[in-house]
Protein backbone atom coordinates (compact mmCIF):
# COMPACT_ATOMS: atom_id res chain seq x y z
CA MET A 1 25.07 -15.31 -35.06
CA THR A 2 21.20 -16.50 -36.85
CA ALA A 3 20.81 -16.90 -40.16
CA ALA A 4 18.67 -14.00 -41.23
CA THR A 5 21.70 -12.05 -39.59
CA PHE A 6 24.46 -14.37 -41.62
CA VAL A 7 22.41 -13.28 -44.87
CA ARG A 8 20.73 -9.50 -44.29
CA SER A 9 24.04 -8.09 -46.37
CA TRP A 10 23.80 -10.39 -49.01
CA PRO A 11 21.06 -8.29 -51.28
CA SER A 12 23.24 -4.93 -51.04
CA VAL A 13 25.87 -7.02 -52.19
CA PHE A 14 24.39 -8.36 -55.10
CA ALA A 15 23.38 -5.28 -56.25
CA TRP A 16 26.73 -4.05 -56.16
CA GLY A 17 27.39 -6.77 -58.55
CA ALA A 18 24.37 -6.11 -60.27
CA GLY A 19 25.31 -2.73 -60.97
CA LEU A 20 28.59 -3.00 -61.84
CA ILE A 21 27.96 -5.19 -64.57
CA THR A 22 24.81 -2.68 -65.96
CA ALA A 23 27.09 0.30 -66.19
CA ALA A 24 29.77 -2.23 -67.79
CA LEU A 25 27.10 -3.68 -70.54
CA GLY A 26 25.67 0.24 -71.03
CA ALA A 27 29.25 1.44 -71.20
CA GLY A 28 30.49 -0.97 -73.66
CA ALA A 29 26.99 0.29 -75.99
CA LEU A 30 27.85 4.00 -75.19
CA THR A 31 31.61 3.41 -76.69
CA ARG A 32 30.78 1.99 -79.52
CA ALA A 33 31.93 3.93 -82.62
CA ASP A 34 28.98 2.30 -85.14
CA SER A 35 26.20 2.39 -82.19
CA GLY A 36 22.66 3.54 -83.11
CA ALA A 37 20.73 5.26 -81.23
CA VAL A 38 18.70 2.80 -79.45
CA ALA A 39 22.28 1.03 -78.24
CA SER A 40 23.25 4.89 -77.15
CA GLY A 41 19.56 4.99 -75.22
CA LEU A 42 19.46 1.84 -73.81
CA GLY A 43 23.67 2.10 -72.78
CA ILE A 44 22.55 6.08 -70.90
CA GLY A 45 20.11 3.95 -68.74
CA LEU A 46 21.82 0.81 -68.21
CA VAL A 47 24.54 2.70 -66.49
CA ALA A 48 21.88 4.82 -64.79
CA LEU A 49 20.18 1.75 -63.21
CA GLY A 50 23.97 0.50 -62.89
CA LEU A 51 25.06 3.70 -61.26
CA ALA A 52 21.54 3.58 -58.97
CA ALA A 53 22.14 -0.34 -57.93
CA LEU A 54 25.39 0.39 -56.36
CA ALA A 55 24.20 3.46 -54.94
CA TRP A 56 21.54 1.67 -53.45
CA GLY A 57 23.47 -1.24 -52.05
CA GLY A 58 25.75 1.15 -49.74
CA VAL A 59 22.84 2.71 -48.69
CA VAL A 60 21.21 -0.28 -47.45
CA LEU A 61 24.55 -1.35 -45.33
CA TRP A 62 24.26 2.00 -44.08
CA ALA A 63 20.61 2.43 -43.04
CA GLY A 64 21.04 -1.76 -42.13
CA ARG A 65 17.67 -1.93 -43.41
CA LEU A 66 16.86 -2.65 -47.09
CA VAL A 67 15.64 1.03 -48.44
CA VAL A 68 12.57 1.74 -50.79
CA PRO A 69 11.95 -1.88 -51.60
CA ALA A 70 8.90 -1.24 -54.07
CA LEU A 71 11.13 1.06 -56.05
CA VAL A 72 14.38 -1.47 -56.08
CA LEU A 73 11.73 -4.74 -57.08
CA GLY A 74 10.66 -2.41 -59.49
CA GLY A 75 14.36 -1.12 -60.91
CA SER A 76 15.71 -5.20 -61.09
CA LEU A 77 12.67 -5.62 -63.40
CA VAL A 78 13.62 -2.72 -65.92
CA THR A 79 17.21 -3.32 -65.39
CA ILE A 80 16.84 -7.24 -66.70
CA PHE A 81 14.51 -6.15 -69.53
CA GLY A 82 17.03 -3.56 -69.80
CA VAL A 83 20.61 -5.73 -70.87
CA THR A 84 17.99 -8.57 -72.40
CA ALA A 85 17.02 -5.84 -74.80
CA LEU A 86 20.65 -4.65 -74.72
CA LEU A 87 21.37 -8.71 -76.00
CA PHE A 88 18.74 -8.58 -79.08
CA VAL A 89 19.96 -4.54 -80.02
CA VAL A 90 23.42 -5.34 -80.23
CA PRO A 91 23.85 -8.76 -80.08
CA ALA A 92 27.40 -9.40 -81.80
CA HIS A 93 29.44 -6.49 -78.89
CA THR A 94 27.05 -8.23 -75.55
CA SER A 95 28.19 -10.80 -74.03
CA VAL A 96 25.32 -13.40 -73.35
CA LEU A 97 27.58 -14.12 -69.63
CA ALA A 98 27.23 -10.59 -68.72
CA VAL A 99 23.77 -10.63 -69.62
CA ALA A 100 23.25 -13.61 -67.38
CA ALA A 101 24.83 -12.89 -64.37
CA ALA A 102 23.48 -9.42 -63.95
CA SER A 103 19.79 -10.93 -64.47
CA LEU A 104 20.67 -13.95 -61.91
CA LEU A 105 21.80 -10.95 -59.34
CA LEU A 106 18.77 -9.16 -60.15
CA VAL A 107 15.82 -12.09 -59.66
CA ILE A 108 17.81 -12.68 -56.24
CA VAL A 109 17.87 -8.91 -55.18
CA GLY A 110 14.20 -8.66 -56.94
CA ALA A 111 13.30 -11.75 -54.95
CA SER A 112 14.89 -10.69 -51.54
CA VAL A 113 13.14 -7.40 -51.56
CA ALA A 114 9.92 -9.04 -52.62
CA VAL A 115 10.26 -11.04 -49.80
CA HIS A 116 10.68 -8.05 -47.57
CA LEU A 117 7.68 -6.18 -48.95
CA ARG A 118 5.59 -9.41 -48.18
CA HIS A 119 6.96 -9.65 -44.44
CA GLN A 120 6.11 -5.86 -43.87
CA ARG A 121 2.98 -5.85 -45.19
CA ARG A 122 1.46 -9.13 -42.69
CA ALA A 123 3.14 -7.49 -40.09
CA ALA A 124 1.05 -4.81 -38.32
CA ASN A 125 3.83 -2.64 -36.57
CA ALA A 126 6.63 -2.89 -39.35
CA THR A 127 9.41 -1.85 -38.00
CA ARG A 128 12.00 0.47 -39.32
CA THR A 129 14.70 -0.27 -37.20
CA ALA A 130 18.47 -1.05 -38.29
CA GLN A 131 18.95 -4.64 -37.89
CA PRO A 132 22.63 -6.47 -37.20
CA MET A 133 24.43 -7.90 -40.21
CA SER A 134 27.80 -10.02 -39.82
CA VAL A 135 30.71 -9.20 -40.91
CA VAL A 136 31.54 -13.19 -41.96
CA GLY A 137 28.19 -12.84 -44.15
CA LEU A 138 29.09 -10.21 -45.92
CA LEU A 139 32.88 -11.45 -47.07
CA VAL A 140 30.77 -14.45 -47.69
CA ALA A 141 28.65 -12.67 -50.21
CA ALA A 142 31.58 -10.60 -51.47
CA ALA A 143 33.50 -13.52 -52.42
CA VAL A 144 30.55 -15.09 -54.32
CA ILE A 145 30.38 -11.70 -56.03
CA ALA A 146 33.81 -12.00 -56.83
CA VAL A 147 33.45 -15.41 -58.23
CA VAL A 148 30.07 -14.59 -60.63
CA VAL A 149 31.09 -10.67 -61.57
CA THR A 150 34.83 -10.87 -62.13
CA PRO A 151 34.27 -13.22 -65.80
CA ALA A 152 31.13 -11.60 -66.44
CA LEU A 153 33.02 -7.73 -66.73
CA GLY A 154 35.88 -9.23 -68.27
CA ALA A 155 33.45 -11.14 -70.63
CA THR A 156 31.59 -7.53 -71.34
CA GLN A 157 35.32 -6.07 -72.21
CA ASN A 158 35.77 -9.00 -74.61
CA ALA A 159 32.38 -8.90 -76.65
CA VAL A 160 32.52 -4.76 -76.52
CA LEU A 161 35.96 -5.10 -78.17
CA LEU A 162 35.27 -7.43 -80.69
CA ARG A 163 36.48 -6.99 -83.81
CA ARG A 164 34.65 -8.21 -87.42
CA CYS A 165 36.92 -9.85 -90.10
CA ARG A 166 36.69 -8.65 -93.71
CA ASP A 167 37.57 -11.26 -95.74
CA THR A 168 35.04 -13.86 -94.75
CA SER A 169 36.54 -16.50 -96.81
CA ALA A 170 39.16 -17.72 -94.51
CA PRO A 171 37.83 -20.70 -92.75
CA ALA A 172 39.19 -19.86 -89.16
CA GLY A 173 39.45 -16.74 -87.81
CA CYS A 174 41.06 -13.73 -90.30
CA GLY A 175 43.76 -15.87 -91.44
CA GLY A 176 44.92 -12.94 -93.86
CA GLY A 177 42.22 -10.67 -93.86
CA THR A 178 42.50 -7.49 -91.96
CA LEU A 179 40.48 -6.70 -88.96
CA GLU A 180 38.13 -3.90 -88.26
CA ARG A 181 36.33 -2.83 -85.28
């Protein structure tokens, strides 16, 4: 087994991780009762981009090669800007950990696709045949994603469910004050 065979499935699995986090961030922006038009628009876009990343990862594993690499490169950049914009639009209810994890995974996917595009342009006869993938490599990638994505999804849920205190005079937490969503 070569190193290329070992890591060939990683962009698809990393796209799954980024897709899950992106969809969760988007859903969190949509489900808040106090979400404005901008947050709702970003939420819809992020859910769509997250679902697209999940679908792309499945197609890549099925096809055995990176498909529509230029579109994925652009989609990665748009998604990074989208999750970052959400952090600025709804900072109190957007997890910094989730945005950082999604951005890291999307940078890895984007870099993998960019390298693939560069190699494809250099090759006179760019082959479009399926390449072998390693099951062990896939399992290692899945373990890495589980370590990165699980805490990020938990942080996303915590940020969305964050409550504010009505009693701001309480020094630690809400003390005797009441909570609002």
